[in-house]
């Protein structure tokens, strides 16, 4: 889902150009919201991984004798 591009909205053909422009704008806003949600989800995953890695790095950077203790 994060690697799939969010497609643009479809332009309708109702016969009324003003109505088509309005419905397209509303639909395009929905597509923008989907794209922003994908980006926020991606950054949340990255931040979670970085926090996990920092915790592991701190655990490994302890003196060798401290590594023998749990936690």
PDB file of N, CA and C in Angstrom:
ATOM      1  N   UNK A   1       0.820  -1.183   0.000  1.00  0.00           N
ATOM      2  CA  UNK A   1       0.000   0.000   0.000  1.00  0.00           C
ATOM      3  C   UNK A   1       0.872   1.258   0.000  1.00  0.00           C
ATOM      4  N   UNK A   2       1.950   1.271   0.752  1.00  0.00           N
ATOM      5  CA  UNK A   2       2.772   2.474   0.828  1.00  0.00           C
ATOM      6  C   UNK A   2       3.550   2.721  -0.458  1.00  0.00           C
ATOM      7  N   UNK A   3       3.844   1.677  -1.213  1.00  0.00           N
ATOM      8  CA  UNK A   3       4.595   1.854  -2.446  1.00  0.00           C
ATOM      9  C   UNK A   3       3.694   2.076  -3.654  1.00  0.00           C
ATOM     10  N   UNK A   4       2.410   1.863  -3.507  1.00  0.00           N
ATOM     11  CA  UNK A   4       1.466   2.043  -4.600  1.00  0.00           C
ATOM     12  C   UNK A   4       1.070   3.511  -4.696  1.00  0.00           C
ATOM     13  N   UNK A   5       1.257   4.135  -5.862  1.00  0.00           N
ATOM     14  CA  UNK A   5       0.853   5.533  -5.987  1.00  0.00           C
ATOM     15  C   UNK A   5      -0.664   5.685  -5.865  1.00  0.00           C
ATOM     16  N   UNK A   6      -1.092   6.758  -5.248  1.00  0.00           N
ATOM     17  CA  UNK A   6      -2.521   7.045  -5.142  1.00  0.00           C
ATOM     18  C   UNK A   6      -2.985   7.667  -6.450  1.00  0.00           C
ATOM     19  N   UNK A   7      -3.957   7.045  -7.132  1.00  0.00           N
ATOM     20  CA  UNK A   7      -4.391   7.589  -8.429  1.00  0.00           C
ATOM     21  C   UNK A   7      -5.193   8.870  -8.255  1.00  0.00           C
ATOM     22  N   UNK A   8      -5.203   9.669  -9.304  1.00  0.00           N
ATOM     23  CA  UNK A   8      -6.015  10.883  -9.295  1.00  0.00           C
ATOM     24  C   UNK A   8      -7.479  10.514  -9.452  1.00  0.00           C
ATOM     25  N   UNK A   9      -8.343  11.437  -9.118  1.00  0.00           N
ATOM     26  CA  UNK A   9      -9.782  11.224  -9.259  1.00  0.00           C
ATOM     27  C   UNK A   9     -10.158  11.229 -10.738  1.00  0.00           C
ATOM     28  N   UNK A  10     -11.260  10.569 -11.031  1.00  0.00           N
ATOM     29  CA  UNK A  10     -11.782  10.523 -12.402  1.00  0.00           C
ATOM     30  C   UNK A  10     -12.620  11.778 -12.665  1.00  0.00           C
ATOM     31  N   UNK A  11     -12.489  12.320 -13.856  1.00  0.00           N
ATOM     32  CA  UNK A  11     -13.315  13.461 -14.254  1.00  0.00           C
ATOM     33  C   UNK A  11     -14.594  12.908 -14.865  1.00  0.00           C
ATOM     34  N   UNK A  12     -15.723  13.316 -14.290  1.00  0.00           N
ATOM     35  CA  UNK A  12     -17.009  12.828 -14.769  1.00  0.00           C
ATOM     36  C   UNK A  12     -17.470  13.567 -16.018  1.00  0.00           C
ATOM     37  N   UNK A  13     -18.529  13.056 -16.616  1.00  0.00           N
ATOM     38  CA  UNK A  13     -19.097  13.683 -17.799  1.00  0.00           C
ATOM     39  C   UNK A  13     -20.615  13.657 -17.665  1.00  0.00           C
ATOM     40  N   UNK A  14     -21.119  14.523 -16.798  1.00  0.00           N
ATOM     41  CA  UNK A  14     -22.560  14.570 -16.544  1.00  0.00           C
ATOM     42  C   UNK A  14     -23.289  15.484 -17.521  1.00  0.00           C
ATOM     43  N   UNK A  15     -22.550  16.213 -18.312  1.00  0.00           N
ATOM     44  CA  UNK A  15     -23.172  17.174 -19.221  1.00  0.00           C
ATOM     45  C   UNK A  15     -23.130  18.594 -18.672  1.00  0.00           C
ATOM     46  N   UNK A  16     -22.874  18.734 -17.395  1.00  0.00           N
ATOM     47  CA  UNK A  16     -22.772  20.047 -16.759  1.00  0.00           C
ATOM     48  C   UNK A  16     -21.320  20.255 -16.335  1.00  0.00           C
ATOM     49  N   UNK A  17     -20.572  21.071 -17.077  1.00  0.00           N
ATOM     50  CA  UNK A  17     -19.144  21.249 -16.772  1.00  0.00           C
ATOM     51  C   UNK A  17     -18.878  21.782 -15.364  1.00  0.00           C
ATOM     52  N   UNK A  18     -19.746  22.654 -14.868  1.00  0.00           N
ATOM     53  CA  UNK A  18     -19.543  23.214 -13.529  1.00  0.00           C
ATOM     54  C   UNK A  18     -19.704  22.111 -12.474  1.00  0.00           C
ATOM     55  N   UNK A  19     -20.703  21.260 -12.637  1.00  0.00           N
ATOM     56  CA  UNK A  19     -20.917  20.157 -11.705  1.00  0.00           C
ATOM     57  C   UNK A  19     -19.760  19.165 -11.787  1.00  0.00           C
ATOM     58  N   UNK A  20     -19.292  18.891 -13.004  1.00  0.00           N
ATOM     59  CA  UNK A  20     -18.158  17.971 -13.174  1.00  0.00           C
ATOM     60  C   UNK A  20     -16.918  18.499 -12.466  1.00  0.00           C
ATOM     61  N   UNK A  21     -16.678  19.813 -12.569  1.00  0.00           N
ATOM     62  CA  UNK A  21     -15.510  20.415 -11.912  1.00  0.00           C
ATOM     63  C   UNK A  21     -15.635  20.315 -10.396  1.00  0.00           C
ATOM     64  N   UNK A  22     -16.836  20.536  -9.886  1.00  0.00           N
ATOM     65  CA  UNK A  22     -17.039  20.458  -8.433  1.00  0.00           C
ATOM     66  C   UNK A  22     -16.871  19.035  -7.920  1.00  0.00           C
ATOM     67  N   UNK A  23     -17.455  18.068  -8.602  1.00  0.00           N
ATOM     68  CA  UNK A  23     -17.333  16.678  -8.135  1.00  0.00           C
ATOM     69  C   UNK A  23     -15.897  16.184  -8.277  1.00  0.00           C
ATOM     70  N   UNK A  24     -15.211  16.646  -9.311  1.00  0.00           N
ATOM     71  CA  UNK A  24     -13.802  16.270  -9.468  1.00  0.00           C
ATOM     72  C   UNK A  24     -12.975  16.836  -8.308  1.00  0.00           C
ATOM     73  N   UNK A  25     -13.210  18.086  -7.948  1.00  0.00           N
ATOM     74  CA  UNK A  25     -12.447  18.719  -6.863  1.00  0.00           C
ATOM     75  C   UNK A  25     -12.676  17.991  -5.543  1.00  0.00           C
ATOM     76  N   UNK A  26     -13.909  17.609  -5.266  1.00  0.00           N
ATOM     77  CA  UNK A  26     -14.203  16.885  -4.033  1.00  0.00           C
ATOM     78  C   UNK A  26     -13.522  15.510  -4.054  1.00  0.00           C
ATOM     79  N   UNK A  27     -13.599  14.825  -5.186  1.00  0.00           N
ATOM     80  CA  UNK A  27     -12.978  13.501  -5.296  1.00  0.00           C
ATOM     81  C   UNK A  27     -11.453  13.600  -5.202  1.00  0.00           C
ATOM     82  N   UNK A  28     -10.876  14.633  -5.790  1.00  0.00           N
ATOM     83  CA  UNK A  28      -9.418  14.804  -5.735  1.00  0.00           C
ATOM     84  C   UNK A  28      -8.959  15.081  -4.300  1.00  0.00           C
ATOM     85  N   UNK A  29      -9.769  15.802  -3.539  1.00  0.00           N
ATOM     86  CA  UNK A  29      -9.455  16.032  -2.128  1.00  0.00           C
ATOM     87  C   UNK A  29      -9.429  14.712  -1.367  1.00  0.00           C
ATOM     88  N   UNK A  30     -10.349  13.817  -1.685  1.00  0.00           N
ATOM     89  CA  UNK A  30     -10.358  12.501  -1.060  1.00  0.00           C
ATOM     90  C   UNK A  30      -9.097  11.718  -1.394  1.00  0.00           C
ATOM     91  N   UNK A  31      -8.642  11.805  -2.635  1.00  0.00           N
ATOM     92  CA  UNK A  31      -7.420  11.113  -3.034  1.00  0.00           C
ATOM     93  C   UNK A  31      -6.212  11.703  -2.309  1.00  0.00           C
ATOM     94  N   UNK A  32      -6.197  13.019  -2.119  1.00  0.00           N
ATOM     95  CA  UNK A  32      -5.113  13.662  -1.381  1.00  0.00           C
ATOM     96  C   UNK A  32      -5.092  13.183   0.073  1.00  0.00           C
ATOM     97  N   UNK A  33      -6.268  13.029   0.661  1.00  0.00           N
ATOM     98  CA  UNK A  33      -6.340  12.521   2.031  1.00  0.00           C
ATOM     99  C   UNK A  33      -5.779  11.106   2.119  1.00  0.00           C
ATOM    100  N   UNK A  34      -6.075  10.269   1.128  1.00  0.00           N
ATOM    101  CA  UNK A  34      -5.521   8.908   1.110  1.00  0.00           C
ATOM    102  C   UNK A  34      -3.998   8.940   1.021  1.00  0.00           C
ATOM    103  N   UNK A  35      -3.474   9.798   0.145  1.00  0.00           N
ATOM    104  CA  UNK A  35      -2.024   9.895  -0.019  1.00  0.00           C
ATOM    105  C   UNK A  35      -1.358  10.401   1.263  1.00  0.00           C
ATOM    106  N   UNK A  36      -1.958  11.379   1.919  1.00  0.00           N
ATOM    107  CA  UNK A  36      -1.406  11.895   3.169  1.00  0.00           C
ATOM    108  C   UNK A  36      -1.439  10.838   4.271  1.00  0.00           C
ATOM    109  N   UNK A  37      -2.491  10.023   4.308  1.00  0.00           N
ATOM    110  CA  UNK A  37      -2.577   8.954   5.299  1.00  0.00           C
ATOM    111  C   UNK A  37      -1.483   7.918   5.056  1.00  0.00           C
ATOM    112  N   UNK A  38      -1.233   7.573   3.795  1.00  0.00           N
ATOM    113  CA  UNK A  38      -0.157   6.630   3.475  1.00  0.00           C
ATOM    114  C   UNK A  38       1.192   7.169   3.940  1.00  0.00           C
ATOM    115  N   UNK A  39       1.419   8.464   3.717  1.00  0.00           N
ATOM    116  CA  UNK A  39       2.687   9.071   4.124  1.00  0.00           C
ATOM    117  C   UNK A  39       2.831   9.073   5.647  1.00  0.00           C
ATOM    118  N   UNK A  40       1.768   9.407   6.347  1.00  0.00           N
ATOM    119  CA  UNK A  40       1.814   9.415   7.813  1.00  0.00           C
ATOM    120  C   UNK A  40       2.061   8.006   8.356  1.00  0.00           C
ATOM    121  N   UNK A  41       1.435   7.011   7.744  1.00  0.00           N
ATOM    122  CA  UNK A  41       1.645   5.631   8.165  1.00  0.00           C
ATOM    123  C   UNK A  41       3.090   5.220   7.947  1.00  0.00           C
ATOM    124  N   UNK A  42       3.648   5.591   6.808  1.00  0.00           N
ATOM    125  CA  UNK A  42       5.048   5.262   6.520  1.00  0.00           C
ATOM    126  C   UNK A  42       5.997   5.879   7.530  1.00  0.00           C
ATOM    127  N   UNK A  43       5.787   7.137   7.861  1.00  0.00           N
ATOM    128  CA  UNK A  43       6.663   7.795   8.833  1.00  0.00           C
ATOM    129  C   UNK A  43       6.483   7.208  10.232  1.00  0.00           C
ATOM    130  N   UNK A  44       5.279   6.786  10.578  1.00  0.00           N
ATOM    131  CA  UNK A  44       5.060   6.155  11.882  1.00  0.00           C
ATOM    132  C   UNK A  44       5.827   4.834  11.961  1.00  0.00           C
ATOM    133  N   UNK A  45       5.826   4.080  10.883  1.00  0.00           N
ATOM    134  CA  UNK A  45       6.576   2.819  10.850  1.00  0.00           C
ATOM    135  C   UNK A  45       8.070   3.092  10.978  1.00  0.00           C
ATOM    136  N   UNK A  46       8.565   4.067  10.232  1.00  0.00           N
ATOM    137  CA  UNK A  46       9.991   4.405  10.274  1.00  0.00           C
ATOM    138  C   UNK A  46      10.392   4.871  11.674  1.00  0.00           C
ATOM    139  N   UNK A  47       9.598   5.734  12.281  1.00  0.00           N
ATOM    140  CA  UNK A  47       9.911   6.217  13.631  1.00  0.00           C
ATOM    141  C   UNK A  47       9.902   5.086  14.648  1.00  0.00           C
ATOM    142  N   UNK A  48       8.965   4.155  14.519  1.00  0.00           N
ATOM    143  CA  UNK A  48       8.930   3.010  15.419  1.00  0.00           C
ATOM    144  C   UNK A  48      10.169   2.133  15.272  1.00  0.00           C
ATOM    145  N   UNK A  49      10.603   1.922  14.039  1.00  0.00           N
ATOM    146  CA  UNK A  49      11.812   1.125  13.800  1.00  0.00           C
ATOM    147  C   UNK A  49      13.052   1.826  14.342  1.00  0.00           C
ATOM    148  N   UNK A  50      13.130   3.138  14.172  1.00  0.00           N
ATOM    149  CA  UNK A  50      14.278   3.873  14.684  1.00  0.00           C
ATOM    150  C   UNK A  50      14.329   3.843  16.208  1.00  0.00           C
ATOM    151  N   UNK A  51      13.179   3.924  16.871  1.00  0.00           N
ATOM    152  CA  UNK A  51      13.147   3.846  18.332  1.00  0.00           C
ATOM    153  C   UNK A  51      13.579   2.459  18.796  1.00  0.00           C
ATOM    154  N   UNK A  52      13.111   1.427  18.113  1.00  0.00           N
ATOM    155  CA  UNK A  52      13.513   0.059  18.446  1.00  0.00           C
ATOM    156  C   UNK A  52      15.008  -0.126  18.259  1.00  0.00           C
ATOM    157  N   UNK A  53      15.545   0.375  17.144  1.00  0.00           N
ATOM    158  CA  UNK A  53      16.978   0.253  16.873  1.00  0.00           C
ATOM    159  C   UNK A  53      17.816   1.006  17.908  1.00  0.00           C
ATOM    160  N   UNK A  54      17.338   2.182  18.332  1.00  0.00           N
ATOM    161  CA  UNK A  54      18.074   2.945  19.348  1.00  0.00           C
ATOM    162  C   UNK A  54      18.106   2.194  20.672  1.00  0.00           C
ATOM    163  N   UNK A  55      17.021   1.538  21.013  1.00  0.00           N
ATOM    164  CA  UNK A  55      16.972   0.762  22.249  1.00  0.00           C
ATOM    165  C   UNK A  55      17.942  -0.420  22.166  1.00  0.00           C
ATOM    166  N   UNK A  56      17.983  -1.090  21.044  1.00  0.00           N
ATOM    167  CA  UNK A  56      18.905  -2.217  20.872  1.00  0.00           C
ATOM    168  C   UNK A  56      20.351  -1.729  20.892  1.00  0.00           C
ATOM    169  N   UNK A  57      20.610  -0.592  20.237  1.00  0.00           N
ATOM    170  CA  UNK A  57      21.968  -0.033  20.214  1.00  0.00           C
ATOM    171  C   UNK A  57      22.433   0.324  21.618  1.00  0.00           C
ATOM    172  N   UNK A  58      21.544   0.910  22.420  1.00  0.00           N
ATOM    173  CA  UNK A  58      21.888   1.260  23.800  1.00  0.00           C
ATOM    174  C   UNK A  58      22.180   0.000  24.609  1.00  0.00           C
ATOM    175  N   UNK A  59      21.435  -1.059  24.348  1.00  0.00           N
ATOM    176  CA  UNK A  59      21.669  -2.316  25.047  1.00  0.00           C
ATOM    177  C   UNK A  59      23.027  -2.905  24.665  1.00  0.00           C
ATOM    178  N   UNK A  60      23.393  -2.807  23.397  1.00  0.00           N
ATOM    179  CA  UNK A  60      24.661  -3.369  22.930  1.00  0.00           C
ATOM    180  C   UNK A  60      25.869  -2.516  23.313  1.00  0.00           C
ATOM    181  N   UNK A  61      25.658  -1.229  23.555  1.00  0.00           N
ATOM    182  CA  UNK A  61      26.764  -0.337  23.886  1.00  0.00           C
ATOM    183  C   UNK A  61      27.173  -0.418  25.356  1.00  0.00           C
ATOM    184  N   UNK A  62      26.462  -1.217  26.140  1.00  0.00           N
ATOM    185  CA  UNK A  62      26.822  -1.361  27.549  1.00  0.00           C
ATOM    186  C   UNK A  62      28.151  -2.119  27.663  1.00  0.00           C
ATOM    187  N   UNK A  63      28.845  -1.981  28.768  1.00  0.00           N
ATOM    188  CA  UNK A  63      30.065  -2.768  28.974  1.00  0.00           C
ATOM    189  C   UNK A  63      29.742  -4.264  28.908  1.00  0.00           C
ATOM    190  N   UNK A  64      30.734  -5.045  28.541  1.00  0.00           N
ATOM    191  CA  UNK A  64      30.496  -6.474  28.316  1.00  0.00           C
ATOM    192  C   UNK A  64      29.933  -7.181  29.535  1.00  0.00           C
ATOM    193  N   UNK A  65      30.361  -6.784  30.735  1.00  0.00           N
ATOM    194  CA  UNK A  65      29.875  -7.453  31.937  1.00  0.00           C
ATOM    195  C   UNK A  65      28.436  -7.107  32.236  1.00  0.00           C
ATOM    196  N   UNK A  66      27.961  -5.953  31.782  1.00  0.00           N
ATOM    197  CA  UNK A  66      26.556  -5.580  31.979  1.00  0.00           C
ATOM    198  C   UNK A  66      25.645  -6.344  31.025  1.00  0.00           C
ATOM    199  N   UNK A  67      26.204  -6.799  29.900  1.00  0.00           N
ATOM    200  CA  UNK A  67      25.403  -7.547  28.940  1.00  0.00           C
ATOM    201  C   UNK A  67      25.008  -8.906  29.476  1.00  0.00           C
ATOM    202  N   UNK A  68      25.691  -9.383  30.490  1.00  0.00           N
ATOM    203  CA  UNK A  68      25.372 -10.676  31.071  1.00  0.00           C
ATOM    204  C   UNK A  68      24.106 -10.618  31.923  1.00  0.00           C
ATOM    205  N   UNK A  69      23.747  -9.405  32.342  1.00  0.00           N
ATOM    206  CA  UNK A  69      22.558  -9.235  33.179  1.00  0.00           C
ATOM    207  C   UNK A  69      21.326  -9.101  32.279  1.00  0.00           C
ATOM    208  N   UNK A  70      20.180  -9.554  32.737  1.00  0.00           N
ATOM    209  CA  UNK A  70      18.972  -9.384  31.923  1.00  0.00           C
ATOM    210  C   UNK A  70      18.586  -7.906  31.810  1.00  0.00           C
ATOM    211  N   UNK A  71      17.960  -7.579  30.708  1.00  0.00           N
ATOM    212  CA  UNK A  71      17.467  -6.206  30.501  1.00  0.00           C
ATOM    213  C   UNK A  71      18.514  -5.360  29.998  1.00  0.00           C
TER     214      UNK A  71
END
